[in-house]
Amino acid sequence: MKKKIFRIKKIYKQNKLKNTCLYHGLWALKTKKHGIITEKQLEATRKIISWSTKKTCKIWIRVQCATPITKKSIGTRMGKGVGSISNYICNVKAGTIIIELFFNTLISIHVLNDFLIIASKKLSLSVKLIKKLI
């Protein structure tokens, strides 16, 4: 009788900086709860921020979508292995900084808060705006 051989995918953990402090910018979007963020959500928030600030700010995206999600096509039957990769996601913990911002010009807090409320609606998580203490 033959034994089945299962191949385990190795996931290597990298020594990364914890994304809980501001390193580059003065303002940031910080998550309140844990969850999943997709590539499309990150790109949509980046586009909204750059469009609403008229490209006067520098944007750093601190999370990286590196976990692949597979999906089979609709007409296929069960079995025959894993489907093709459909998109990439990022598992985010509570308190993780997603996006950092640095403005070249002076912007009032109310205008900035309005921009980031619009941008946070593109994410599936609840986020808050934080400021670096100088």
N, C-alpha and C. Protein backbone atom coordinates (compact mmCIF):
# COMPACT_ATOMS: atom_id res chain seq x y z
N MET A 1 0.83 -1.19 0.00
CA MET A 1 0.00 0.00 0.00
C MET A 1 0.88 1.25 0.00
N LYS A 2 0.56 2.18 -0.90
CA LYS A 2 1.35 3.41 -1.01
C LYS A 2 0.90 4.44 0.00
N LYS A 3 1.86 5.22 0.45
CA LYS A 3 1.54 6.34 1.33
C LYS A 3 1.38 7.60 0.50
N LYS A 4 0.42 8.43 0.90
CA LYS A 4 0.25 9.71 0.23
C LYS A 4 1.30 10.68 0.75
N ILE A 5 1.86 11.45 -0.14
CA ILE A 5 2.85 12.44 0.23
C ILE A 5 2.21 13.82 0.09
N PHE A 6 2.16 14.55 1.19
CA PHE A 6 1.62 15.90 1.18
C PHE A 6 2.77 16.88 1.19
N ARG A 7 2.70 17.85 0.33
CA ARG A 7 3.75 18.87 0.29
C ARG A 7 3.24 20.12 0.99
N ILE A 8 3.96 20.53 1.98
CA ILE A 8 3.58 21.71 2.75
C ILE A 8 4.28 22.92 2.16
N LYS A 9 3.51 23.96 1.90
CA LYS A 9 4.11 25.19 1.41
C LYS A 9 4.81 25.89 2.56
N LYS A 10 6.06 26.22 2.35
CA LYS A 10 6.83 26.88 3.40
C LYS A 10 6.58 28.37 3.35
N ILE A 11 6.28 28.93 4.49
CA ILE A 11 6.08 30.36 4.62
C ILE A 11 7.20 30.90 5.49
N TYR A 12 8.03 31.72 4.91
CA TYR A 12 9.16 32.27 5.64
C TYR A 12 8.77 33.61 6.25
N LYS A 13 8.99 33.74 7.53
CA LYS A 13 8.69 34.99 8.21
C LYS A 13 9.91 35.90 8.11
N GLN A 14 9.66 37.12 7.72
CA GLN A 14 10.74 38.09 7.61
C GLN A 14 10.77 38.95 8.86
N ASN A 15 11.95 39.40 9.20
CA ASN A 15 12.09 40.32 10.33
C ASN A 15 11.75 41.72 9.84
N LYS A 16 10.53 42.14 10.09
CA LYS A 16 10.07 43.45 9.64
C LYS A 16 9.90 44.37 10.84
N LEU A 17 9.92 45.66 10.54
CA LEU A 17 9.60 46.63 11.58
C LEU A 17 8.11 46.56 11.88
N LYS A 18 7.75 46.73 13.12
CA LYS A 18 6.34 46.74 13.46
C LYS A 18 5.72 48.04 12.94
N ASN A 19 4.59 47.91 12.31
CA ASN A 19 3.92 49.06 11.72
C ASN A 19 3.00 49.74 12.71
N THR A 20 3.54 50.17 13.83
CA THR A 20 2.72 50.85 14.83
C THR A 20 3.18 52.28 15.07
N CYS A 21 4.33 52.69 14.55
CA CYS A 21 4.85 54.04 14.75
C CYS A 21 5.04 54.73 13.40
N LEU A 22 4.98 56.05 13.42
CA LEU A 22 5.22 56.83 12.20
C LEU A 22 6.72 56.95 11.98
N TYR A 23 7.17 56.63 10.78
CA TYR A 23 8.59 56.74 10.45
C TYR A 23 8.86 57.81 9.41
N HIS A 24 7.98 57.94 8.41
CA HIS A 24 8.25 58.81 7.28
C HIS A 24 7.42 60.10 7.31
N GLY A 25 6.14 59.98 7.47
CA GLY A 25 5.24 61.13 7.33
C GLY A 25 4.83 61.73 8.66
N LEU A 26 3.94 62.72 8.57
CA LEU A 26 3.41 63.38 9.76
C LEU A 26 2.00 62.92 10.09
N TRP A 27 1.27 62.41 9.09
CA TRP A 27 -0.09 61.93 9.27
C TRP A 27 -0.17 60.48 8.80
N ALA A 28 -1.13 59.73 9.35
CA ALA A 28 -1.25 58.32 8.96
C ALA A 28 -2.66 57.81 9.16
N LEU A 29 -2.98 56.74 8.44
CA LEU A 29 -4.21 55.98 8.65
C LEU A 29 -3.85 54.73 9.43
N LYS A 30 -4.50 54.54 10.58
CA LYS A 30 -4.20 53.43 11.47
C LYS A 30 -5.46 52.60 11.66
N THR A 31 -5.34 51.27 11.61
CA THR A 31 -6.51 50.39 11.72
C THR A 31 -6.97 50.30 13.18
N LYS A 32 -8.29 50.14 13.34
CA LYS A 32 -8.85 49.96 14.67
C LYS A 32 -9.07 48.48 14.98
N LYS A 33 -9.35 47.67 13.94
CA LYS A 33 -9.61 46.24 14.12
C LYS A 33 -8.75 45.44 13.16
N HIS A 34 -8.68 44.14 13.40
CA HIS A 34 -7.93 43.28 12.50
C HIS A 34 -8.81 42.89 11.31
N GLY A 35 -8.16 42.52 10.20
CA GLY A 35 -8.92 42.14 9.02
C GLY A 35 -8.03 41.91 7.82
N ILE A 36 -8.65 41.95 6.64
CA ILE A 36 -7.96 41.67 5.39
C ILE A 36 -8.10 42.87 4.47
N ILE A 37 -6.99 43.22 3.80
CA ILE A 37 -6.98 44.30 2.81
C ILE A 37 -6.49 43.71 1.50
N THR A 38 -7.15 44.05 0.40
CA THR A 38 -6.73 43.56 -0.91
C THR A 38 -5.91 44.62 -1.63
N GLU A 39 -5.27 44.20 -2.72
CA GLU A 39 -4.48 45.13 -3.53
C GLU A 39 -5.34 46.23 -4.12
N LYS A 40 -6.54 45.87 -4.56
CA LYS A 40 -7.42 46.84 -5.19
C LYS A 40 -7.85 47.93 -4.21
N GLN A 41 -8.07 47.55 -2.96
CA GLN A 41 -8.46 48.53 -1.94
C GLN A 41 -7.32 49.51 -1.66
N LEU A 42 -6.09 49.00 -1.58
CA LEU A 42 -4.94 49.88 -1.35
C LEU A 42 -4.74 50.85 -2.50
N GLU A 43 -4.87 50.34 -3.73
CA GLU A 43 -4.68 51.20 -4.89
C GLU A 43 -5.78 52.26 -4.97
N ALA A 44 -7.01 51.89 -4.63
CA ALA A 44 -8.11 52.86 -4.65
C ALA A 44 -7.91 53.96 -3.62
N THR A 45 -7.45 53.62 -2.42
CA THR A 45 -7.20 54.65 -1.40
C THR A 45 -6.05 55.56 -1.82
N ARG A 46 -5.01 54.98 -2.42
CA ARG A 46 -3.88 55.79 -2.88
C ARG A 46 -4.32 56.78 -3.95
N LYS A 47 -5.15 56.33 -4.90
CA LYS A 47 -5.63 57.21 -5.96
C LYS A 47 -6.51 58.33 -5.42
N ILE A 48 -7.38 57.99 -4.46
CA ILE A 48 -8.26 59.01 -3.87
C ILE A 48 -7.45 60.07 -3.13
N ILE A 49 -6.44 59.65 -2.38
CA ILE A 49 -5.62 60.61 -1.62
C ILE A 49 -4.84 61.50 -2.58
N SER A 50 -4.21 60.92 -3.60
CA SER A 50 -3.42 61.73 -4.53
C SER A 50 -4.31 62.65 -5.36
N TRP A 51 -5.52 62.20 -5.68
CA TRP A 51 -6.44 63.04 -6.45
C TRP A 51 -6.98 64.19 -5.60
N SER A 52 -7.35 63.89 -4.35
CA SER A 52 -7.97 64.92 -3.52
C SER A 52 -6.96 65.96 -3.03
N THR A 53 -5.70 65.57 -2.85
CA THR A 53 -4.68 66.52 -2.42
C THR A 53 -3.96 67.17 -3.59
N LYS A 54 -4.37 66.82 -4.81
CA LYS A 54 -3.78 67.36 -6.04
C LYS A 54 -2.28 67.12 -6.10
N LYS A 55 -1.87 65.96 -5.64
CA LYS A 55 -0.48 65.47 -5.70
C LYS A 55 0.51 66.39 -5.00
N THR A 56 0.08 67.03 -3.91
CA THR A 56 0.98 67.88 -3.14
C THR A 56 1.54 67.14 -1.93
N CYS A 57 1.18 65.87 -1.76
CA CYS A 57 1.68 65.14 -0.61
C CYS A 57 2.47 63.92 -1.05
N LYS A 58 3.35 63.48 -0.19
CA LYS A 58 4.12 62.26 -0.40
C LYS A 58 3.41 61.14 0.34
N ILE A 59 3.21 59.99 -0.33
CA ILE A 59 2.45 58.88 0.23
C ILE A 59 3.37 57.67 0.37
N TRP A 60 3.34 57.06 1.56
CA TRP A 60 4.03 55.79 1.79
C TRP A 60 2.99 54.74 2.16
N ILE A 61 2.97 53.64 1.44
CA ILE A 61 2.09 52.52 1.78
C ILE A 61 2.92 51.54 2.59
N ARG A 62 2.53 51.32 3.84
CA ARG A 62 3.35 50.56 4.78
C ARG A 62 3.05 49.06 4.79
N VAL A 63 1.93 48.64 4.22
CA VAL A 63 1.61 47.21 4.18
C VAL A 63 1.82 46.69 2.77
N GLN A 64 2.14 45.41 2.68
CA GLN A 64 2.40 44.80 1.38
C GLN A 64 1.50 43.58 1.23
N CYS A 65 0.79 43.51 0.14
CA CYS A 65 -0.09 42.37 -0.13
C CYS A 65 0.76 41.25 -0.74
N ALA A 66 1.04 40.23 0.06
CA ALA A 66 1.92 39.17 -0.39
C ALA A 66 1.29 37.79 -0.33
N THR A 67 0.08 37.66 0.23
CA THR A 67 -0.56 36.36 0.36
C THR A 67 -1.47 36.12 -0.85
N PRO A 68 -1.19 35.10 -1.67
CA PRO A 68 -2.02 34.87 -2.86
C PRO A 68 -3.33 34.16 -2.50
N ILE A 69 -4.38 34.53 -3.21
CA ILE A 69 -5.68 33.88 -3.07
C ILE A 69 -6.00 33.21 -4.40
N THR A 70 -6.33 31.91 -4.35
CA THR A 70 -6.62 31.17 -5.57
C THR A 70 -8.12 31.05 -5.76
N LYS A 71 -8.50 30.88 -7.03
CA LYS A 71 -9.90 30.77 -7.36
C LYS A 71 -10.05 29.95 -8.63
N LYS A 72 -11.02 29.05 -8.63
CA LYS A 72 -11.29 28.27 -9.82
C LYS A 72 -12.32 28.97 -10.68
N SER A 73 -12.31 28.67 -11.97
CA SER A 73 -13.31 29.26 -12.85
C SER A 73 -14.67 28.66 -12.56
N ILE A 74 -15.72 29.31 -13.01
CA ILE A 74 -17.08 28.93 -12.63
C ILE A 74 -17.48 27.57 -13.17
N GLY A 75 -17.09 27.24 -14.39
CA GLY A 75 -17.56 26.02 -15.02
C GLY A 75 -16.83 24.75 -14.65
N THR A 76 -15.78 24.82 -13.81
CA THR A 76 -15.00 23.63 -13.50
C THR A 76 -15.62 22.83 -12.37
N ARG A 77 -15.34 21.53 -12.37
CA ARG A 77 -15.85 20.65 -11.32
C ARG A 77 -14.88 20.62 -10.14
N MET A 78 -15.32 19.97 -9.08
CA MET A 78 -14.49 19.87 -7.88
C MET A 78 -13.27 18.98 -8.15
N GLY A 79 -12.21 19.20 -7.40
CA GLY A 79 -11.01 18.39 -7.51
C GLY A 79 -10.01 18.95 -8.50
N LYS A 80 -9.03 18.14 -8.85
CA LYS A 80 -7.97 18.46 -9.81
C LYS A 80 -7.12 19.65 -9.37
N GLY A 81 -6.85 19.75 -8.11
CA GLY A 81 -5.88 20.72 -7.62
C GLY A 81 -6.43 22.12 -7.40
N VAL A 82 -5.52 22.98 -6.99
CA VAL A 82 -5.86 24.35 -6.66
C VAL A 82 -5.98 25.15 -7.95
N GLY A 83 -6.87 26.12 -7.97
CA GLY A 83 -7.05 26.96 -9.14
C GLY A 83 -5.95 27.99 -9.29
N SER A 84 -6.13 28.87 -10.24
CA SER A 84 -5.12 29.90 -10.50
C SER A 84 -5.26 31.04 -9.49
N ILE A 85 -4.20 31.83 -9.38
CA ILE A 85 -4.18 32.95 -8.42
C ILE A 85 -5.06 34.07 -8.95
N SER A 86 -6.01 34.52 -8.11
CA SER A 86 -6.93 35.57 -8.55
C SER A 86 -6.49 36.95 -8.05
N ASN A 87 -6.08 37.05 -6.80
CA ASN A 87 -5.60 38.33 -6.27
C ASN A 87 -4.72 38.09 -5.05
N TYR A 88 -4.18 39.16 -4.51
CA TYR A 88 -3.31 39.10 -3.33
C TYR A 88 -3.96 39.88 -2.20
N ILE A 89 -3.75 39.40 -0.97
CA ILE A 89 -4.31 40.06 0.21
C ILE A 89 -3.22 40.31 1.23
N CYS A 90 -3.57 41.08 2.25
CA CYS A 90 -2.67 41.36 3.37
C CYS A 90 -3.47 41.23 4.65
N ASN A 91 -3.02 40.38 5.57
CA ASN A 91 -3.65 40.26 6.88
C ASN A 91 -3.11 41.37 7.77
N VAL A 92 -4.02 42.16 8.32
CA VAL A 92 -3.64 43.34 9.09
C VAL A 92 -4.13 43.19 10.52
N LYS A 93 -3.27 43.47 11.49
CA LYS A 93 -3.65 43.44 12.89
C LYS A 93 -4.19 44.81 13.31
N ALA A 94 -4.80 44.84 14.47
CA ALA A 94 -5.31 46.10 15.00
C ALA A 94 -4.13 47.00 15.39
N GLY A 95 -4.21 48.27 15.06
CA GLY A 95 -3.15 49.22 15.39
C GLY A 95 -2.06 49.32 14.36
N THR A 96 -2.21 48.68 13.19
CA THR A 96 -1.21 48.74 12.14
C THR A 96 -1.41 49.98 11.30
N ILE A 97 -0.31 50.66 10.98
CA ILE A 97 -0.37 51.83 10.11
C ILE A 97 -0.38 51.35 8.67
N ILE A 98 -1.38 51.80 7.91
CA ILE A 98 -1.51 51.38 6.52
C ILE A 98 -0.82 52.36 5.59
N ILE A 99 -1.14 53.65 5.74
CA ILE A 99 -0.63 54.68 4.83
C ILE A 99 -0.10 55.85 5.65
N GLU A 100 1.08 56.36 5.25
CA GLU A 100 1.64 57.56 5.86
C GLU A 100 1.64 58.69 4.84
N LEU A 101 1.44 59.91 5.32
CA LEU A 101 1.37 61.08 4.45
C LEU A 101 2.29 62.18 4.96
N PHE A 102 2.90 62.90 4.02
CA PHE A 102 3.68 64.10 4.35
C PHE A 102 3.30 65.18 3.35
N PHE A 103 2.84 66.35 3.86
CA PHE A 103 2.40 67.44 3.00
C PHE A 103 3.47 68.49 2.87
N ASN A 104 3.68 68.96 1.63
CA ASN A 104 4.63 70.04 1.39
C ASN A 104 4.06 71.39 1.78
N THR A 105 2.73 71.53 1.65
CA THR A 105 2.07 72.79 1.97
C THR A 105 1.27 72.64 3.26
N LEU A 106 0.87 73.76 3.82
CA LEU A 106 0.06 73.72 5.03
C LEU A 106 -1.39 73.44 4.66
N ILE A 107 -1.98 72.46 5.29
CA ILE A 107 -3.38 72.09 5.06
C ILE A 107 -4.07 72.06 6.42
N SER A 108 -5.28 72.59 6.46
CA SER A 108 -6.00 72.59 7.73
C SER A 108 -6.42 71.16 8.09
N ILE A 109 -6.61 70.94 9.37
CA ILE A 109 -6.95 69.60 9.86
C ILE A 109 -8.33 69.18 9.37
N HIS A 110 -9.25 70.12 9.24
CA HIS A 110 -10.60 69.79 8.79
C HIS A 110 -10.60 69.30 7.34
N VAL A 111 -9.84 69.95 6.47
CA VAL A 111 -9.76 69.54 5.07
C VAL A 111 -9.08 68.17 4.97
N LEU A 112 -8.02 67.98 5.73
CA LEU A 112 -7.31 66.70 5.72
C LEU A 112 -8.20 65.59 6.24
N ASN A 113 -8.97 65.86 7.26
CA ASN A 113 -9.88 64.86 7.82
C ASN A 113 -10.94 64.47 6.80
N ASP A 114 -11.43 65.44 6.02
CA ASP A 114 -12.41 65.13 4.98
C ASP A 114 -11.81 64.24 3.89
N PHE A 115 -10.57 64.52 3.49
CA PHE A 115 -9.90 63.69 2.49
C PHE A 115 -9.78 62.25 2.96
N LEU A 116 -9.35 62.09 4.20
CA LEU A 116 -9.08 60.74 4.70
C LEU A 116 -10.35 59.98 5.04
N ILE A 117 -11.45 60.68 5.32
CA ILE A 117 -12.73 59.99 5.50
C ILE A 117 -13.18 59.38 4.18
N ILE A 118 -13.00 60.14 3.08
CA ILE A 118 -13.34 59.61 1.76
C ILE A 118 -12.46 58.43 1.41
N ALA A 119 -11.16 58.53 1.73
CA ALA A 119 -10.23 57.45 1.42
C ALA A 119 -10.48 56.21 2.27
N SER A 120 -10.90 56.41 3.52
CA SER A 120 -11.13 55.26 4.40
C SER A 120 -12.37 54.46 4.00
N LYS A 121 -13.28 55.07 3.24
CA LYS A 121 -14.45 54.34 2.77
C LYS A 121 -14.09 53.32 1.70
N LYS A 122 -12.93 53.44 1.09
CA LYS A 122 -12.48 52.46 0.10
C LYS A 122 -11.91 51.20 0.76
N LEU A 123 -11.59 51.27 2.05
CA LEU A 123 -11.05 50.12 2.77
C LEU A 123 -12.18 49.34 3.43
N SER A 124 -11.92 48.05 3.68
CA SER A 124 -12.93 47.22 4.34
C SER A 124 -12.80 47.27 5.86
N LEU A 125 -11.81 47.97 6.37
CA LEU A 125 -11.58 48.08 7.81
C LEU A 125 -11.92 49.48 8.30
N SER A 126 -12.17 49.58 9.60
CA SER A 126 -12.33 50.90 10.19
C SER A 126 -10.95 51.45 10.55
N VAL A 127 -10.70 52.70 10.17
CA VAL A 127 -9.40 53.32 10.39
C VAL A 127 -9.58 54.65 11.10
N LYS A 128 -8.48 55.14 11.67
CA LYS A 128 -8.49 56.47 12.29
C LYS A 128 -7.27 57.25 11.84
N LEU A 129 -7.36 58.56 11.95
CA LEU A 129 -6.30 59.45 11.55
C LEU A 129 -5.42 59.78 12.74
N ILE A 130 -4.12 59.58 12.60
CA ILE A 130 -3.21 59.92 13.69
C ILE A 130 -2.16 60.92 13.18
N LYS A 131 -1.60 61.67 14.13
CA LYS A 131 -0.60 62.69 13.82
C LYS A 131 0.67 62.40 14.61
N LYS A 132 1.81 62.67 13.99
CA LYS A 132 3.08 62.49 14.66
C LYS A 132 3.34 63.65 15.60
N LEU A 133 3.70 63.34 16.82
CA LEU A 133 4.02 64.40 17.78
C LEU A 133 5.48 64.81 17.59
N ILE A 134 5.69 66.11 17.39
CA ILE A 134 7.04 66.61 17.15
C ILE A 134 7.59 67.27 18.40
